Amino acid sequence: MTTRNDLYRLVEQLRPETLDDAAAALRQYVPPTDVAEPPYPRSVGILTEAPADLSLRVDDYLAEGFGR
């Protein structure tokens, strides 16, 4: 089984003029990095203006009519 260290050793031995070809060969095994994240639900961030203690005092805030 090939380890990352084996690959690192091979890369260290590459001639400079072959680096582009070697990188292209390895890129096919790496997932693309420009994949956009799936959109968040609209509810994410809805409570950005909420009090810092909301999770501790949720019952109190609901009783007072929080969000109305």
N, C-alpha and C. Protein backbone atom coordinates (compact mmCIF):
# COMPACT_ATOMS: atom_id res chain seq x y z
N MET A 1 0.84 -1.18 0.00
CA MET A 1 0.00 0.00 0.00
C MET A 1 0.89 1.25 0.00
N THR A 2 0.54 2.16 -0.84
CA THR A 2 1.29 3.42 -0.94
C THR A 2 0.83 4.37 0.16
N THR A 3 1.78 4.99 0.81
CA THR A 3 1.46 5.96 1.85
C THR A 3 1.71 7.37 1.32
N ARG A 4 1.23 8.34 2.07
CA ARG A 4 1.49 9.74 1.69
C ARG A 4 2.99 10.01 1.68
N ASN A 5 3.70 9.43 2.63
CA ASN A 5 5.15 9.63 2.68
C ASN A 5 5.82 9.11 1.41
N ASP A 6 5.33 7.97 0.87
CA ASP A 6 5.86 7.46 -0.39
C ASP A 6 5.66 8.48 -1.50
N LEU A 7 4.47 9.06 -1.54
CA LEU A 7 4.19 10.07 -2.57
C LEU A 7 5.04 11.32 -2.37
N TYR A 8 5.21 11.75 -1.13
CA TYR A 8 6.06 12.92 -0.87
C TYR A 8 7.48 12.67 -1.37
N ARG A 9 7.99 11.47 -1.13
CA ARG A 9 9.35 11.15 -1.59
C ARG A 9 9.43 11.18 -3.11
N LEU A 10 8.40 10.67 -3.78
CA LEU A 10 8.39 10.71 -5.25
C LEU A 10 8.36 12.14 -5.76
N VAL A 11 7.54 12.97 -5.14
CA VAL A 11 7.44 14.37 -5.57
C VAL A 11 8.79 15.07 -5.39
N GLU A 12 9.47 14.79 -4.32
CA GLU A 12 10.78 15.41 -4.08
C GLU A 12 11.79 15.03 -5.17
N GLN A 13 11.58 13.90 -5.81
CA GLN A 13 12.53 13.42 -6.83
C GLN A 13 12.18 13.89 -8.24
N LEU A 14 11.04 14.55 -8.41
CA LEU A 14 10.63 15.00 -9.73
C LEU A 14 11.57 16.08 -10.26
N ARG A 15 11.81 16.01 -11.57
CA ARG A 15 12.59 17.07 -12.20
C ARG A 15 11.68 18.28 -12.37
N PRO A 16 12.20 19.48 -12.24
CA PRO A 16 11.36 20.68 -12.33
C PRO A 16 10.52 20.75 -13.60
N GLU A 17 11.05 20.29 -14.71
CA GLU A 17 10.31 20.37 -15.98
C GLU A 17 9.14 19.39 -16.05
N THR A 18 9.03 18.48 -15.10
CA THR A 18 7.92 17.52 -15.11
C THR A 18 6.84 17.84 -14.07
N LEU A 19 7.01 18.92 -13.33
CA LEU A 19 6.06 19.25 -12.27
C LEU A 19 4.64 19.48 -12.77
N ASP A 20 4.49 20.18 -13.89
CA ASP A 20 3.15 20.44 -14.42
C ASP A 20 2.42 19.14 -14.77
N ASP A 21 3.14 18.22 -15.43
CA ASP A 21 2.52 16.94 -15.81
C ASP A 21 2.17 16.12 -14.58
N ALA A 22 3.03 16.11 -13.59
CA ALA A 22 2.76 15.35 -12.37
C ALA A 22 1.57 15.93 -11.62
N ALA A 23 1.49 17.24 -11.55
CA ALA A 23 0.36 17.89 -10.87
C ALA A 23 -0.94 17.57 -11.60
N ALA A 24 -0.92 17.60 -12.92
CA ALA A 24 -2.13 17.29 -13.69
C ALA A 24 -2.56 15.84 -13.45
N ALA A 25 -1.62 14.94 -13.34
CA ALA A 25 -1.95 13.53 -13.10
C ALA A 25 -2.58 13.35 -11.72
N LEU A 26 -2.08 14.05 -10.73
CA LEU A 26 -2.63 13.91 -9.37
C LEU A 26 -3.96 14.62 -9.20
N ARG A 27 -4.16 15.71 -9.94
CA ARG A 27 -5.40 16.49 -9.79
C ARG A 27 -6.66 15.67 -10.06
N GLN A 28 -6.55 14.66 -10.88
CA GLN A 28 -7.73 13.86 -11.20
C GLN A 28 -8.25 13.08 -10.00
N TYR A 29 -7.42 12.94 -8.97
CA TYR A 29 -7.82 12.19 -7.77
C TYR A 29 -8.25 13.09 -6.62
N VAL A 30 -8.22 14.39 -6.84
CA VAL A 30 -8.56 15.36 -5.80
C VAL A 30 -9.92 15.96 -6.11
N PRO A 31 -10.83 16.00 -5.12
CA PRO A 31 -12.13 16.61 -5.39
C PRO A 31 -11.97 18.09 -5.73
N PRO A 32 -12.81 18.61 -6.60
CA PRO A 32 -12.72 20.02 -6.96
C PRO A 32 -12.93 20.92 -5.75
N THR A 33 -12.19 22.00 -5.70
CA THR A 33 -12.29 22.92 -4.56
C THR A 33 -13.26 24.06 -4.82
N ASP A 34 -13.74 24.20 -6.04
CA ASP A 34 -14.64 25.31 -6.34
C ASP A 34 -16.11 24.92 -6.24
N VAL A 35 -16.39 23.83 -5.55
CA VAL A 35 -17.77 23.41 -5.38
C VAL A 35 -18.44 24.33 -4.37
N ALA A 36 -19.52 24.95 -4.79
CA ALA A 36 -20.24 25.87 -3.91
C ALA A 36 -20.98 25.10 -2.83
N GLU A 37 -21.06 25.69 -1.66
CA GLU A 37 -21.82 25.08 -0.58
C GLU A 37 -23.30 25.14 -0.92
N PRO A 38 -24.05 24.14 -0.49
CA PRO A 38 -25.49 24.21 -0.74
C PRO A 38 -26.08 25.41 -0.01
N PRO A 39 -27.10 26.01 -0.57
CA PRO A 39 -27.68 27.19 0.07
C PRO A 39 -28.26 26.83 1.44
N TYR A 40 -28.08 27.73 2.37
CA TYR A 40 -28.63 27.54 3.70
C TYR A 40 -30.13 27.81 3.68
N PRO A 41 -30.88 27.17 4.58
CA PRO A 41 -32.31 27.49 4.67
C PRO A 41 -32.49 28.95 5.06
N ARG A 42 -33.60 29.53 4.67
CA ARG A 42 -33.85 30.94 4.98
C ARG A 42 -33.83 31.22 6.47
N SER A 43 -34.11 30.21 7.28
CA SER A 43 -34.18 30.43 8.72
C SER A 43 -32.80 30.63 9.36
N VAL A 44 -31.73 30.24 8.68
CA VAL A 44 -30.39 30.41 9.25
C VAL A 44 -30.08 31.89 9.34
N GLY A 45 -29.69 32.32 10.50
CA GLY A 45 -29.36 33.72 10.71
C GLY A 45 -30.54 34.57 11.09
N ILE A 46 -31.70 33.98 11.24
CA ILE A 46 -32.91 34.73 11.54
C ILE A 46 -32.83 35.40 12.92
N LEU A 47 -32.07 34.81 13.81
CA LEU A 47 -31.98 35.35 15.16
C LEU A 47 -30.67 36.09 15.42
N THR A 48 -30.12 36.74 14.42
CA THR A 48 -28.86 37.44 14.61
C THR A 48 -28.99 38.60 15.59
N GLU A 49 -30.17 39.12 15.74
CA GLU A 49 -30.40 40.23 16.67
C GLU A 49 -30.98 39.74 18.00
N ALA A 50 -31.01 38.45 18.22
CA ALA A 50 -31.59 37.89 19.44
C ALA A 50 -30.70 38.16 20.64
N PRO A 51 -31.27 38.22 21.82
CA PRO A 51 -30.48 38.41 23.04
C PRO A 51 -29.48 37.27 23.22
N ALA A 52 -28.35 37.57 23.81
CA ALA A 52 -27.29 36.57 24.00
C ALA A 52 -27.73 35.43 24.91
N ASP A 53 -28.66 35.69 25.81
CA ASP A 53 -29.09 34.65 26.75
C ASP A 53 -30.35 33.94 26.29
N LEU A 54 -30.67 34.01 25.02
CA LEU A 54 -31.92 33.45 24.51
C LEU A 54 -32.07 31.97 24.86
N SER A 55 -31.03 31.18 24.67
CA SER A 55 -31.18 29.75 24.91
C SER A 55 -31.36 29.44 26.40
N LEU A 56 -30.87 30.30 27.25
CA LEU A 56 -31.03 30.09 28.69
C LEU A 56 -32.41 30.50 29.19
N ARG A 57 -32.96 31.52 28.55
CA ARG A 57 -34.23 32.08 29.04
C ARG A 57 -35.34 31.97 28.01
N VAL A 58 -35.32 30.92 27.20
CA VAL A 58 -36.28 30.79 26.12
C VAL A 58 -37.72 30.81 26.62
N ASP A 59 -37.99 30.17 27.73
CA ASP A 59 -39.36 30.15 28.25
C ASP A 59 -39.82 31.56 28.66
N ASP A 60 -38.91 32.32 29.27
CA ASP A 60 -39.25 33.68 29.67
C ASP A 60 -39.57 34.54 28.44
N TYR A 61 -38.72 34.44 27.42
CA TYR A 61 -38.93 35.25 26.22
C TYR A 61 -40.21 34.86 25.49
N LEU A 62 -40.50 33.57 25.42
CA LEU A 62 -41.74 33.14 24.77
C LEU A 62 -42.96 33.62 25.55
N ALA A 63 -42.88 33.60 26.87
CA ALA A 63 -43.99 34.06 27.69
C ALA A 63 -44.24 35.57 27.48
N GLU A 64 -43.16 36.32 27.20
CA GLU A 64 -43.27 37.76 26.97
C GLU A 64 -43.70 38.07 25.54
N GLY A 65 -43.82 37.06 24.69
CA GLY A 65 -44.24 37.29 23.31
C GLY A 65 -43.08 37.56 22.37
N PHE A 66 -41.96 36.94 22.60
CA PHE A 66 -40.77 37.11 21.75
C PHE A 66 -41.11 36.88 20.29
N GLY A 67 -40.69 37.78 19.43
CA GLY A 67 -40.90 37.64 18.00
C GLY A 67 -42.19 38.27 17.48
N ARG A 68 -42.97 38.84 18.33
CA ARG A 68 -44.21 39.47 17.86
C ARG A 68 -43.99 40.93 17.62
